[in-house]
Amino acid sequence: MSFLRAISPLRAYRDLRQFLATRKTYELVFLVLAIVVTWTIMFAIANNSTVEKVYRPNIVYVEQWSANRTDAEIIAQQKIDGPKEKAAAEEVRRQDAETQAAYKRLDDKLKKYGL
């Protein structure tokens, strides 16, 4: 455990101070600029990396029907299910239009910057 005696935050701080004291002013300025630019880029990437994905599970429920249904029963069930299917299809179209509009806005912003 004698190697732990060589590791000391105080000794590390003194060593860093001694190293920085031997540097010229312009080297320290560029060191600070390099650190600031690096952290700015890292922060920008981390800040913009969250993309919220809409979770839409694709669950298909299967109903079991008796094999001896009459045509009238089938038509009656289709009349019940028809508006539900149309509403679901319209909702999908609306969400697709929202997504397309969001991409259009992003494309317009990128074109404004020449990309």
PDB file of N, CA and C in Angstrom:
ATOM      1  N   MET A   1       0.807  -1.194   0.000  1.00  0.00           N
ATOM      2  CA  MET A   1       0.000   0.000   0.000  1.00  0.00           C
ATOM      3  C   MET A   1       0.851   1.259   0.000  1.00  0.00           C
ATOM      4  N   SER A   2       2.122   1.094  -0.180  1.00  0.00           N
ATOM      5  CA  SER A   2       2.981   2.280  -0.171  1.00  0.00           C
ATOM      6  C   SER A   2       2.787   3.127  -1.430  1.00  0.00           C
ATOM      7  N   PHE A   3       2.263   2.529  -2.480  1.00  0.00           N
ATOM      8  CA  PHE A   3       2.045   3.302  -3.704  1.00  0.00           C
ATOM      9  C   PHE A   3       0.908   4.313  -3.530  1.00  0.00           C
ATOM     10  N   LEU A   4       0.014   4.097  -2.561  1.00  0.00           N
ATOM     11  CA  LEU A   4      -1.060   5.050  -2.320  1.00  0.00           C
ATOM     12  C   LEU A   4      -0.533   6.348  -1.689  1.00  0.00           C
ATOM     13  N   ARG A   5       0.612   6.267  -1.038  1.00  0.00           N
ATOM     14  CA  ARG A   5       1.179   7.475  -0.460  1.00  0.00           C
ATOM     15  C   ARG A   5       1.648   8.427  -1.553  1.00  0.00           C
ATOM     16  N   ALA A   6       2.024   7.900  -2.703  1.00  0.00           N
ATOM     17  CA  ALA A   6       2.494   8.737  -3.808  1.00  0.00           C
ATOM     18  C   ALA A   6       1.331   9.455  -4.491  1.00  0.00           C
ATOM     19  N   ILE A   7       0.123   8.919  -4.350  1.00  0.00           N
ATOM     20  CA  ILE A   7      -1.055   9.529  -4.968  1.00  0.00           C
ATOM     21  C   ILE A   7      -1.707  10.429  -3.935  1.00  0.00           C
ATOM     22  N   SER A   8      -1.665  11.718  -4.207  1.00  0.00           N
ATOM     23  CA  SER A   8      -2.230  12.670  -3.270  1.00  0.00           C
ATOM     24  C   SER A   8      -2.825  13.833  -4.060  1.00  0.00           C
ATOM     25  N   PRO A   9      -4.052  14.253  -3.744  1.00  0.00           N
ATOM     26  CA  PRO A   9      -4.635  15.394  -4.459  1.00  0.00           C
ATOM     27  C   PRO A   9      -3.814  16.667  -4.273  1.00  0.00           C
ATOM     28  N   LEU A  10      -3.226  16.822  -3.121  1.00  0.00           N
ATOM     29  CA  LEU A  10      -2.408  18.007  -2.861  1.00  0.00           C
ATOM     30  C   LEU A  10      -1.159  18.007  -3.747  1.00  0.00           C
ATOM     31  N   ARG A  11      -0.522  16.845  -3.872  1.00  0.00           N
ATOM     32  CA  ARG A  11       0.654  16.741  -4.737  1.00  0.00           C
ATOM     33  C   ARG A  11       0.271  16.942  -6.197  1.00  0.00           C
ATOM     34  N   ALA A  12      -0.880  16.426  -6.585  1.00  0.00           N
ATOM     35  CA  ALA A  12      -1.338  16.608  -7.970  1.00  0.00           C
ATOM     36  C   ALA A  12      -1.611  18.077  -8.249  1.00  0.00           C
ATOM     37  N   TYR A  13      -2.221  18.783  -7.295  1.00  0.00           N
ATOM     38  CA  TYR A  13      -2.493  20.214  -7.457  1.00  0.00           C
ATOM     39  C   TYR A  13      -1.190  20.998  -7.574  1.00  0.00           C
ATOM     40  N   ARG A  14      -0.209  20.673  -6.715  1.00  0.00           N
ATOM     41  CA  ARG A  14       1.087  21.360  -6.777  1.00  0.00           C
ATOM     42  C   ARG A  14       1.772  21.105  -8.117  1.00  0.00           C
ATOM     43  N   ASP A  15       1.699  19.862  -8.583  1.00  0.00           N
ATOM     44  CA  ASP A  15       2.315  19.511  -9.859  1.00  0.00           C
ATOM     45  C   ASP A  15       1.660  20.279 -11.008  1.00  0.00           C
ATOM     46  N   LEU A  16       0.329  20.377 -10.992  1.00  0.00           N
ATOM     47  CA  LEU A  16      -0.388  21.120 -12.035  1.00  0.00           C
ATOM     48  C   LEU A  16      -0.015  22.605 -11.978  1.00  0.00           C
ATOM     49  N   ARG A  17       0.046  23.185 -10.790  1.00  0.00           N
ATOM     50  CA  ARG A  17       0.433  24.591 -10.658  1.00  0.00           C
ATOM     51  C   ARG A  17       1.837  24.829 -11.189  1.00  0.00           C
ATOM     52  N   GLN A  18       2.749  23.914 -10.871  1.00  0.00           N
ATOM     53  CA  GLN A  18       4.126  24.059 -11.346  1.00  0.00           C
ATOM     54  C   GLN A  18       4.169  23.962 -12.874  1.00  0.00           C
ATOM     55  N   PHE A  19       3.415  23.023 -13.446  1.00  0.00           N
ATOM     56  CA  PHE A  19       3.391  22.871 -14.898  1.00  0.00           C
ATOM     57  C   PHE A  19       2.829  24.120 -15.555  1.00  0.00           C
ATOM     58  N   LEU A  20       1.700  24.633 -15.033  1.00  0.00           N
ATOM     59  CA  LEU A  20       1.075  25.807 -15.633  1.00  0.00           C
ATOM     60  C   LEU A  20       1.925  27.064 -15.440  1.00  0.00           C
ATOM     61  N   ALA A  21       2.706  27.121 -14.375  1.00  0.00           N
ATOM     62  CA  ALA A  21       3.562  28.285 -14.125  1.00  0.00           C
ATOM     63  C   ALA A  21       4.686  28.379 -15.150  1.00  0.00           C
ATOM     64  N   THR A  22       5.080  27.253 -15.723  1.00  0.00           N
ATOM     65  CA  THR A  22       6.161  27.260 -16.707  1.00  0.00           C
ATOM     66  C   THR A  22       5.649  27.547 -18.124  1.00  0.00           C
ATOM     67  N   ARG A  23       4.345  27.584 -18.299  1.00  0.00           N
ATOM     68  CA  ARG A  23       3.770  27.848 -19.624  1.00  0.00           C
ATOM     69  C   ARG A  23       3.734  29.335 -19.901  1.00  0.00           C
ATOM     70  N   LYS A  24       3.770  29.682 -21.178  1.00  0.00           N
ATOM     71  CA  LYS A  24       3.657  31.081 -21.573  1.00  0.00           C
ATOM     72  C   LYS A  24       2.186  31.474 -21.610  1.00  0.00           C
ATOM     73  N   THR A  25       1.916  32.765 -21.630  1.00  0.00           N
ATOM     74  CA  THR A  25       0.546  33.274 -21.539  1.00  0.00           C
ATOM     75  C   THR A  25      -0.306  32.813 -22.707  1.00  0.00           C
ATOM     76  N   TYR A  26       0.233  32.877 -23.925  1.00  0.00           N
ATOM     77  CA  TYR A  26      -0.570  32.479 -25.076  1.00  0.00           C
ATOM     78  C   TYR A  26      -0.923  30.993 -25.038  1.00  0.00           C
ATOM     79  N   GLU A  27      -0.039  30.174 -24.446  1.00  0.00           N
ATOM     80  CA  GLU A  27      -0.356  28.749 -24.328  1.00  0.00           C
ATOM     81  C   GLU A  27      -1.530  28.529 -23.373  1.00  0.00           C
ATOM     82  N   LEU A  28      -1.563  29.290 -22.303  1.00  0.00           N
ATOM     83  CA  LEU A  28      -2.677  29.170 -21.356  1.00  0.00           C
ATOM     84  C   LEU A  28      -3.974  29.671 -21.968  1.00  0.00           C
ATOM     85  N   VAL A  29      -3.896  30.734 -22.757  1.00  0.00           N
ATOM     86  CA  VAL A  29      -5.100  31.250 -23.419  1.00  0.00           C
ATOM     87  C   VAL A  29      -5.657  30.205 -24.376  1.00  0.00           C
ATOM     88  N   PHE A  30      -4.780  29.600 -25.164  1.00  0.00           N
ATOM     89  CA  PHE A  30      -5.253  28.574 -26.096  1.00  0.00           C
ATOM     90  C   PHE A  30      -5.746  27.327 -25.368  1.00  0.00           C
ATOM     91  N   LEU A  31      -5.162  27.015 -24.224  1.00  0.00           N
ATOM     92  CA  LEU A  31      -5.649  25.896 -23.417  1.00  0.00           C
ATOM     93  C   LEU A  31      -7.084  26.155 -22.962  1.00  0.00           C
ATOM     94  N   VAL A  32      -7.336  27.355 -22.461  1.00  0.00           N
ATOM     95  CA  VAL A  32      -8.680  27.709 -21.996  1.00  0.00           C
ATOM     96  C   VAL A  32      -9.663  27.714 -23.174  1.00  0.00           C
ATOM     97  N   LEU A  33      -9.241  28.282 -24.304  1.00  0.00           N
ATOM     98  CA  LEU A  33     -10.117  28.288 -25.482  1.00  0.00           C
ATOM     99  C   LEU A  33     -10.441  26.868 -25.948  1.00  0.00           C
ATOM    100  N   ALA A  34      -9.441  26.005 -25.954  1.00  0.00           N
ATOM    101  CA  ALA A  34      -9.669  24.623 -26.371  1.00  0.00           C
ATOM    102  C   ALA A  34     -10.644  23.920 -25.432  1.00  0.00           C
ATOM    103  N   ILE A  35     -10.509  24.156 -24.143  1.00  0.00           N
ATOM    104  CA  ILE A  35     -11.422  23.535 -23.179  1.00  0.00           C
ATOM    105  C   ILE A  35     -12.832  24.068 -23.365  1.00  0.00           C
ATOM    106  N   VAL A  36     -12.967  25.394 -23.535  1.00  0.00           N
ATOM    107  CA  VAL A  36     -14.291  25.994 -23.701  1.00  0.00           C
ATOM    108  C   VAL A  36     -14.967  25.494 -24.972  1.00  0.00           C
ATOM    109  N   VAL A  37     -14.235  25.450 -26.075  1.00  0.00           N
ATOM    110  CA  VAL A  37     -14.821  24.989 -27.342  1.00  0.00           C
ATOM    111  C   VAL A  37     -15.228  23.523 -27.237  1.00  0.00           C
ATOM    112  N   THR A  38     -14.369  22.717 -26.652  1.00  0.00           N
ATOM    113  CA  THR A  38     -14.684  21.286 -26.509  1.00  0.00           C
ATOM    114  C   THR A  38     -15.940  21.078 -25.672  1.00  0.00           C
ATOM    115  N   TRP A  39     -16.027  21.745 -24.525  1.00  0.00           N
ATOM    116  CA  TRP A  39     -17.196  21.582 -23.660  1.00  0.00           C
ATOM    117  C   TRP A  39     -18.453  22.166 -24.285  1.00  0.00           C
ATOM    118  N   THR A  40     -18.311  23.234 -25.053  1.00  0.00           N
ATOM    119  CA  THR A  40     -19.479  23.800 -25.739  1.00  0.00           C
ATOM    120  C   THR A  40     -20.030  22.820 -26.753  1.00  0.00           C
ATOM    121  N   ILE A  41     -19.152  22.211 -27.531  1.00  0.00           N
ATOM    122  CA  ILE A  41     -19.601  21.230 -28.527  1.00  0.00           C
ATOM    123  C   ILE A  41     -20.222  20.022 -27.837  1.00  0.00           C
ATOM    124  N   MET A  42     -19.597  19.547 -26.776  1.00  0.00           N
ATOM    125  CA  MET A  42     -20.154  18.390 -26.065  1.00  0.00           C
ATOM    126  C   MET A  42     -21.516  18.718 -25.470  1.00  0.00           C
ATOM    127  N   PHE A  43     -21.667  19.916 -24.899  1.00  0.00           N
ATOM    128  CA  PHE A  43     -22.949  20.314 -24.338  1.00  0.00           C
ATOM    129  C   PHE A  43     -24.009  20.442 -25.426  1.00  0.00           C
ATOM    130  N   ALA A  44     -23.640  21.016 -26.564  1.00  0.00           N
ATOM    131  CA  ALA A  44     -24.598  21.185 -27.662  1.00  0.00           C
ATOM    132  C   ALA A  44     -25.070  19.838 -28.183  1.00  0.00           C
ATOM    133  N   ILE A  45     -24.162  18.906 -28.322  1.00  0.00           N
ATOM    134  CA  ILE A  45     -24.544  17.573 -28.808  1.00  0.00           C
ATOM    135  C   ILE A  45     -25.431  16.874 -27.780  1.00  0.00           C
ATOM    136  N   ALA A  46     -25.057  16.946 -26.510  1.00  0.00           N
ATOM    137  CA  ALA A  46     -25.855  16.292 -25.472  1.00  0.00           C
ATOM    138  C   ALA A  46     -27.223  16.948 -25.338  1.00  0.00           C
ATOM    139  N   ASN A  47     -27.284  18.257 -25.499  1.00  0.00           N
ATOM    140  CA  ASN A  47     -28.544  18.973 -25.348  1.00  0.00           C
ATOM    141  C   ASN A  47     -29.508  18.673 -26.497  1.00  0.00           C
ATOM    142  N   ASN A  48     -28.996  18.496 -27.696  1.00  0.00           N
ATOM    143  CA  ASN A  48     -29.844  18.269 -28.867  1.00  0.00           C
ATOM    144  C   ASN A  48     -30.013  16.795 -29.200  1.00  0.00           C
ATOM    145  N   SER A  49     -29.511  15.909 -28.378  1.00  0.00           N
ATOM    146  CA  SER A  49     -29.555  14.497 -28.724  1.00  0.00           C
ATOM    147  C   SER A  49     -30.846  13.802 -28.293  1.00  0.00           C
ATOM    148  N   THR A  50     -31.740  14.514 -27.640  1.00  0.00           N
ATOM    149  CA  THR A  50     -32.976  13.880 -27.208  1.00  0.00           C
ATOM    150  C   THR A  50     -34.017  13.988 -28.309  1.00  0.00           C
ATOM    151  N   VAL A  51     -34.435  12.857 -28.799  1.00  0.00           N
ATOM    152  CA  VAL A  51     -35.475  12.805 -29.813  1.00  0.00           C
ATOM    153  C   VAL A  51     -36.627  12.016 -29.218  1.00  0.00           C
ATOM    154  N   GLU A  52     -37.741  12.674 -29.071  1.00  0.00           N
ATOM    155  CA  GLU A  52     -38.892  11.998 -28.500  1.00  0.00           C
ATOM    156  C   GLU A  52     -39.606  11.222 -29.591  1.00  0.00           C
ATOM    157  N   LYS A  53     -39.644   9.928 -29.420  1.00  0.00           N
ATOM    158  CA  LYS A  53     -40.291   9.072 -30.399  1.00  0.00           C
ATOM    159  C   LYS A  53     -41.681   8.732 -29.886  1.00  0.00           C
ATOM    160  N   VAL A  54     -42.653   8.904 -30.747  1.00  0.00           N
ATOM    161  CA  VAL A  54     -44.025   8.597 -30.370  1.00  0.00           C
ATOM    162  C   VAL A  54     -44.175   7.084 -30.379  1.00  0.00           C
ATOM    163  N   TYR A  55     -44.600   6.553 -29.261  1.00  0.00           N
ATOM    164  CA  TYR A  55     -44.768   5.113 -29.151  1.00  0.00           C
ATOM    165  C   TYR A  55     -46.170   4.744 -29.579  1.00  0.00           C
ATOM    166  N   ARG A  56     -46.248   4.031 -30.670  1.00  0.00           N
ATOM    167  CA  ARG A  56     -47.531   3.544 -31.164  1.00  0.00           C
ATOM    168  C   ARG A  56     -47.426   2.035 -31.344  1.00  0.00           C
ATOM    169  N   PRO A  57     -47.879   1.286 -30.385  1.00  0.00           N
ATOM    170  CA  PRO A  57     -47.786  -0.167 -30.542  1.00  0.00           C
ATOM    171  C   PRO A  57     -48.714  -0.649 -31.650  1.00  0.00           C
ATOM    172  N   ASN A  58     -48.260  -1.612 -32.368  1.00  0.00           N
ATOM    173  CA  ASN A  58     -49.043  -2.172 -33.454  1.00  0.00           C
ATOM    174  C   ASN A  58     -49.660  -3.486 -32.966  1.00  0.00           C
ATOM    175  N   ILE A  59     -50.755  -3.364 -32.241  1.00  0.00           N
ATOM    176  CA  ILE A  59     -51.424  -4.528 -31.668  1.00  0.00           C
ATOM    177  C   ILE A  59     -52.604  -4.878 -32.555  1.00  0.00           C
ATOM    178  N   VAL A  60     -52.673  -6.124 -32.941  1.00  0.00           N
ATOM    179  CA  VAL A  60     -53.771  -6.587 -33.771  1.00  0.00           C
ATOM    180  C   VAL A  60     -54.591  -7.576 -32.942  1.00  0.00           C
ATOM    181  N   TYR A  61     -55.836  -7.204 -32.692  1.00  0.00           N
ATOM    182  CA  TYR A  61     -56.732  -8.085 -31.959  1.00  0.00           C
ATOM    183  C   TYR A  61     -57.558  -8.863 -32.975  1.00  0.00           C
ATOM    184  N   VAL A  62     -57.653 -10.140 -32.760  1.00  0.00           N
ATOM    185  CA  VAL A  62     -58.397 -11.005 -33.667  1.00  0.00           C
ATOM    186  C   VAL A  62     -59.642 -11.500 -32.939  1.00  0.00           C
ATOM    187  N   GLU A  63     -60.764 -11.270 -33.569  1.00  0.00           N
ATOM    188  CA  GLU A  63     -62.008 -11.761 -32.996  1.00  0.00           C
ATOM    189  C   GLU A  63     -62.364 -13.086 -33.635  1.00  0.00           C
ATOM    190  N   GLN A  64     -62.940 -13.954 -32.853  1.00  0.00           N
ATOM    191  CA  GLN A  64     -63.368 -15.230 -33.386  1.00  0.00           C
ATOM    192  C   GLN A  64     -64.853 -15.150 -33.697  1.00  0.00           C
ATOM    193  N   TRP A  65     -65.183 -15.551 -34.904  1.00  0.00           N
ATOM    194  CA  TRP A  65     -66.568 -15.524 -35.344  1.00  0.00           C
ATOM    195  C   TRP A  65     -67.025 -16.946 -35.612  1.00  0.00           C
ATOM    196  N   SER A  66     -68.266 -17.164 -35.377  1.00  0.00           N
ATOM    197  CA  SER A  66     -68.794 -18.506 -35.661  1.00  0.00           C
ATOM    198  C   SER A  66     -68.900 -18.679 -37.177  1.00  0.00           C
ATOM    199  N   ALA A  67     -68.728 -19.874 -37.611  1.00  0.00           N
ATOM    200  CA  ALA A  67     -68.714 -20.153 -39.046  1.00  0.00           C
ATOM    201  C   ALA A  67     -70.117 -20.076 -39.654  1.00  0.00           C
ATOM    202  N   ASN A  68     -71.144 -20.149 -38.853  1.00  0.00           N
ATOM    203  CA  ASN A  68     -72.513 -20.164 -39.398  1.00  0.00           C
ATOM    204  C   ASN A  68     -73.208 -18.806 -39.244  1.00  0.00           C
ATOM    205  N   ARG A  69     -72.460 -17.695 -39.352  1.00  0.00           N
ATOM    206  CA  ARG A  69     -73.079 -16.367 -39.280  1.00  0.00           C
ATOM    207  C   ARG A  69     -73.847 -16.100 -40.561  1.00  0.00           C
ATOM    208  N   THR A  70     -74.891 -15.331 -40.405  1.00  0.00           N
ATOM    209  CA  THR A  70     -75.668 -14.958 -41.594  1.00  0.00           C
ATOM    210  C   THR A  70     -75.084 -13.689 -42.199  1.00  0.00           C
ATOM    211  N   ASP A  71     -75.468 -13.417 -43.447  1.00  0.00           N
ATOM    212  CA  ASP A  71     -75.006 -12.199 -44.115  1.00  0.00           C
ATOM    213  C   ASP A  71     -75.490 -10.950 -43.384  1.00  0.00           C
ATOM    214  N   ALA A  72     -76.653 -11.000 -42.821  1.00  0.00           N
ATOM    215  CA  ALA A  72     -77.192  -9.848 -42.095  1.00  0.00           C
ATOM    216  C   ALA A  72     -76.324  -9.540 -40.867  1.00  0.00           C
ATOM    217  N   GLU A  73     -75.877 -10.568 -40.163  1.00  0.00           N
ATOM    218  CA  GLU A  73     -75.006 -10.359 -39.013  1.00  0.00           C
ATOM    219  C   GLU A  73     -73.662  -9.763 -39.444  1.00  0.00           C
ATOM    220  N   ILE A  74     -73.145 -10.222 -40.560  1.00  0.00           N
ATOM    221  CA  ILE A  74     -71.870  -9.709 -41.059  1.00  0.00           C
ATOM    222  C   ILE A  74     -72.002  -8.236 -41.442  1.00  0.00           C
ATOM    223  N   ILE A  75     -73.074  -7.893 -42.152  1.00  0.00           N
ATOM    224  CA  ILE A  75     -73.302  -6.507 -42.575  1.00  0.00           C
ATOM    225  C   ILE A  75     -73.510  -5.600 -41.363  1.00  0.00           C
ATOM    226  N   ALA A  76     -74.250  -6.086 -40.367  1.00  0.00           N
ATOM    227  CA  ALA A  76     -74.481  -5.295 -39.162  1.00  0.00           C
ATOM    228  C   ALA A  76     -73.160  -5.017 -38.434  1.00  0.00           C
ATOM    229  N   GLN A  77     -72.308  -6.018 -38.346  1.00  0.00           N
ATOM    230  CA  GLN A  77     -71.015  -5.832 -37.691  1.00  0.00           C
ATOM    231  C   GLN A  77     -70.134  -4.880 -38.498  1.00  0.00           C
ATOM    232  N   GLN A  78     -70.199  -4.956 -39.812  1.00  0.00           N
ATOM    233  CA  GLN A  78     -69.417  -4.040 -40.652  1.00  0.00           C
ATOM    234  C   GLN A  78     -69.888  -2.595 -40.476  1.00  0.00           C
ATOM    235  N   LYS A  79     -71.186  -2.397 -40.284  1.00  0.00           N
ATOM    236  CA  LYS A  79     -71.688  -1.047 -40.050  1.00  0.00           C
ATOM    237  C   LYS A  79     -71.191  -0.493 -38.719  1.00  0.00           C
ATOM    238  N   ILE A  80     -71.031  -1.367 -37.742  1.00  0.00           N
ATOM    239  CA  ILE A  80     -70.508  -0.944 -36.438  1.00  0.00           C
ATOM    240  C   ILE A  80     -69.011  -0.631 -36.541  1.00  0.00           C
ATOM    241  N   ASP A  81     -68.255  -1.496 -37.236  1.00  0.00           N
ATOM    242  CA  ASP A  81     -66.805  -1.359 -37.310  1.00  0.00           C
ATOM    243  C   ASP A  81     -66.348  -0.312 -38.318  1.00  0.00           C
ATOM    244  N   GLY A  82     -67.163   0.027 -39.298  1.00  0.00           N
ATOM    245  CA  GLY A  82     -66.771   0.971 -40.346  1.00  0.00           C
ATOM    246  C   GLY A  82     -66.340   2.334 -39.829  1.00  0.00           C
ATOM    247  N   PRO A  83     -67.150   3.008 -39.019  1.00  0.00           N
ATOM    248  CA  PRO A  83     -66.736   4.326 -38.503  1.00  0.00           C
ATOM    249  C   PRO A  83     -65.476   4.268 -37.628  1.00  0.00           C
ATOM    250  N   LYS A  84     -65.320   3.178 -36.873  1.00  0.00           N
ATOM    251  CA  LYS A  84     -64.118   3.040 -36.041  1.00  0.00           C
ATOM    252  C   LYS A  84     -62.872   2.949 -36.917  1.00  0.00           C
ATOM    253  N   GLU A  85     -62.949   2.175 -37.988  1.00  0.00           N
ATOM    254  CA  GLU A  85     -61.809   2.035 -38.886  1.00  0.00           C
ATOM    255  C   GLU A  85     -61.499   3.353 -39.590  1.00  0.00           C
ATOM    256  N   LYS A  86     -62.542   4.085 -39.996  1.00  0.00           N
ATOM    257  CA  LYS A  86     -62.328   5.369 -40.643  1.00  0.00           C
ATOM    258  C   LYS A  86     -61.680   6.365 -39.682  1.00  0.00           C
ATOM    259  N   ALA A  87     -62.125   6.371 -38.429  1.00  0.00           N
ATOM    260  CA  ALA A  87     -61.545   7.277 -37.436  1.00  0.00           C
ATOM    261  C   ALA A  87     -60.078   6.932 -37.177  1.00  0.00           C
ATOM    262  N   ALA A  88     -59.764   5.657 -37.100  1.00  0.00           N
ATOM    263  CA  ALA A  88     -58.383   5.236 -36.876  1.00  0.00           C
ATOM    264  C   ALA A  88     -57.507   5.616 -38.069  1.00  0.00           C
ATOM    265  N   ALA A  89     -58.018   5.426 -39.282  1.00  0.00           N
ATOM    266  CA  ALA A  89     -57.262   5.780 -40.484  1.00  0.00           C
ATOM    267  C   ALA A  89     -57.045   7.296 -40.556  1.00  0.00           C
ATOM    268  N   GLU A  90     -58.056   8.070 -40.169  1.00  0.00           N
ATOM    269  CA  GLU A  90     -57.929   9.530 -40.169  1.00  0.00           C
ATOM    270  C   GLU A  90     -56.896   9.990 -39.131  1.00  0.00           C
ATOM    271  N   GLU A  91     -56.868   9.343 -37.989  1.00  0.00           N
ATOM    272  CA  GLU A  91     -55.886   9.665 -36.957  1.00  0.00           C
ATOM    273  C   GLU A  91     -54.466   9.390 -37.461  1.00  0.00           C
ATOM    274  N   VAL A  92     -54.275   8.278 -38.146  1.00  0.00           N
ATOM    275  CA  VAL A  92     -52.962   7.960 -38.708  1.00  0.00           C
ATOM    276  C   VAL A  92     -52.573   9.005 -39.748  1.00  0.00           C
ATOM    277  N   ARG A  93     -53.516   9.405 -40.599  1.00  0.00           N
ATOM    278  CA  ARG A  93     -53.241  10.435 -41.604  1.00  0.00           C
ATOM    279  C   ARG A  93     -52.879  11.766 -40.938  1.00  0.00           C
ATOM    280  N   ARG A  94     -53.560  12.117 -39.857  1.00  0.00           N
ATOM    281  CA  ARG A  94     -53.290  13.361 -39.149  1.00  0.00           C
ATOM    282  C   ARG A  94     -51.883  13.340 -38.533  1.00  0.00           C
ATOM    283  N   GLN A  95     -51.522  12.223 -37.912  1.00  0.00           N
ATOM    284  CA  GLN A  95     -50.190  12.113 -37.314  1.00  0.00           C
ATOM    285  C   GLN A  95     -49.103  12.150 -38.380  1.00  0.00           C
ATOM    286  N   ASP A  96     -49.361  11.507 -39.517  1.00  0.00           N
ATOM    287  CA  ASP A  96     -48.397  11.553 -40.612  1.00  0.00           C
ATOM    288  C   ASP A  96     -48.243  12.981 -41.138  1.00  0.00           C
ATOM    289  N   ALA A  97     -49.347  13.714 -41.219  1.00  0.00           N
ATOM    290  CA  ALA A  97     -49.290  15.100 -41.688  1.00  0.00           C
ATOM    291  C   ALA A  97     -48.502  15.963 -40.698  1.00  0.00           C
ATOM    292  N   GLU A  98     -48.676  15.739 -39.395  1.00  0.00           N
ATOM    293  CA  GLU A  98     -47.911  16.479 -38.384  1.00  0.00           C
ATOM    294  C   GLU A  98     -46.420  16.189 -38.517  1.00  0.00           C
ATOM    295  N   THR A  99     -46.070  14.923 -38.675  1.00  0.00           N
ATOM    296  CA  THR A  99     -44.670  14.538 -38.830  1.00  0.00           C
ATOM    297  C   THR A  99     -44.078  15.162 -40.085  1.00  0.00           C
ATOM    298  N   GLN A 100     -44.854  15.118 -41.174  1.00  0.00           N
ATOM    299  CA  GLN A 100     -44.386  15.690 -42.432  1.00  0.00           C
ATOM    300  C   GLN A 100     -44.197  17.205 -42.296  1.00  0.00           C
ATOM    301  N   ALA A 101     -45.085  17.871 -41.589  1.00  0.00           N
ATOM    302  CA  ALA A 101     -44.963  19.312 -41.383  1.00  0.00           C
ATOM    303  C   ALA A 101     -43.724  19.632 -40.536  1.00  0.00           C
ATOM    304  N   ALA A 102     -43.442  18.797 -39.536  1.00  0.00           N
ATOM    305  CA  ALA A 102     -42.254  19.016 -38.707  1.00  0.00           C
ATOM    306  C   ALA A 102     -40.981  18.874 -39.540  1.00  0.00           C
ATOM    307  N   TYR A 103     -40.936  17.865 -40.388  1.00  0.00           N
ATOM    308  CA  TYR A 103     -39.779  17.690 -41.264  1.00  0.00           C
ATOM    309  C   TYR A 103     -39.670  18.835 -42.268  1.00  0.00           C
ATOM    310  N   LYS A 104     -40.801  19.332 -42.731  1.00  0.00           N
ATOM    311  CA  LYS A 104     -40.799  20.464 -43.664  1.00  0.00           C
ATOM    312  C   LYS A 104     -40.214  21.696 -42.982  1.00  0.00           C
ATOM    313  N   ARG A 105     -40.613  21.965 -41.726  1.00  0.00           N
ATOM    314  CA  ARG A 105     -40.061  23.102 -40.987  1.00  0.00           C
ATOM    315  C   ARG A 105     -38.557  22.949 -40.798  1.00  0.00           C
ATOM    316  N   LEU A 106     -38.107  21.740 -40.462  1.00  0.00           N
ATOM    317  CA  LEU A 106     -36.681  21.489 -40.297  1.00  0.00           C
ATOM    318  C   LEU A 106     -35.947  21.700 -41.613  1.00  0.00           C
ATOM    319  N   ASP A 107     -36.514  21.219 -42.704  1.00  0.00           N
ATOM    320  CA  ASP A 107     -35.901  21.394 -44.022  1.00  0.00           C
ATOM    321  C   ASP A 107     -35.807  22.868 -44.391  1.00  0.00           C
ATOM    322  N   ASP A 108     -36.844  23.623 -44.073  1.00  0.00           N
ATOM    323  CA  ASP A 108     -36.825  25.064 -44.362  1.00  0.00           C
ATOM    324  C   ASP A 108     -35.725  25.768 -43.561  1.00  0.00           C
ATOM    325  N   LYS A 109     -35.551  25.373 -42.292  1.00  0.00           N
ATOM    326  CA  LYS A 109     -34.498  25.971 -41.488  1.00  0.00           C
ATOM    327  C   LYS A 109     -33.122  25.636 -42.069  1.00  0.00           C
ATOM    328  N   LEU A 110     -32.943  24.389 -42.484  1.00  0.00           N
ATOM    329  CA  LEU A 110     -31.648  23.994 -43.056  1.00  0.00           C
ATOM    330  C   LEU A 110     -31.385  24.704 -44.365  1.00  0.00           C
ATOM    331  N   LYS A 111     -32.433  24.905 -45.178  1.00  0.00           N
ATOM    332  CA  LYS A 111     -32.255  25.638 -46.436  1.00  0.00           C
ATOM    333  C   LYS A 111     -31.896  27.089 -46.165  1.00  0.00           C
ATOM    334  N   LYS A 112     -32.417  27.638 -45.081  1.00  0.00           N
ATOM    335  CA  LYS A 112     -32.112  29.024 -44.717  1.00  0.00           C
ATOM    336  C   LYS A 112     -30.608  29.157 -44.424  1.00  0.00           C
ATOM    337  N   TYR A 113     -29.998  28.114 -43.848  1.00  0.00           N
ATOM    338  CA  TYR A 113     -28.576  28.129 -43.559  1.00  0.00           C
ATOM    339  C   TYR A 113     -27.741  27.638 -44.738  1.00  0.00           C
ATOM    340  N   GLY A 114     -28.397  27.257 -45.823  1.00  0.00           N
ATOM    341  CA  GLY A 114     -27.675  26.812 -47.010  1.00  0.00           C
ATOM    342  C   GLY A 114     -27.290  25.361 -46.990  1.00  0.00           C
ATOM    343  N   LEU A 115     -27.965  24.571 -46.177  1.00  0.00           N
ATOM    344  CA  LEU A 115     -27.649  23.133 -46.118  1.00  0.00           C
ATOM    345  C   LEU A 115     -28.687  22.318 -46.832  1.00  0.00           C
TER     346      LEU A 115
END
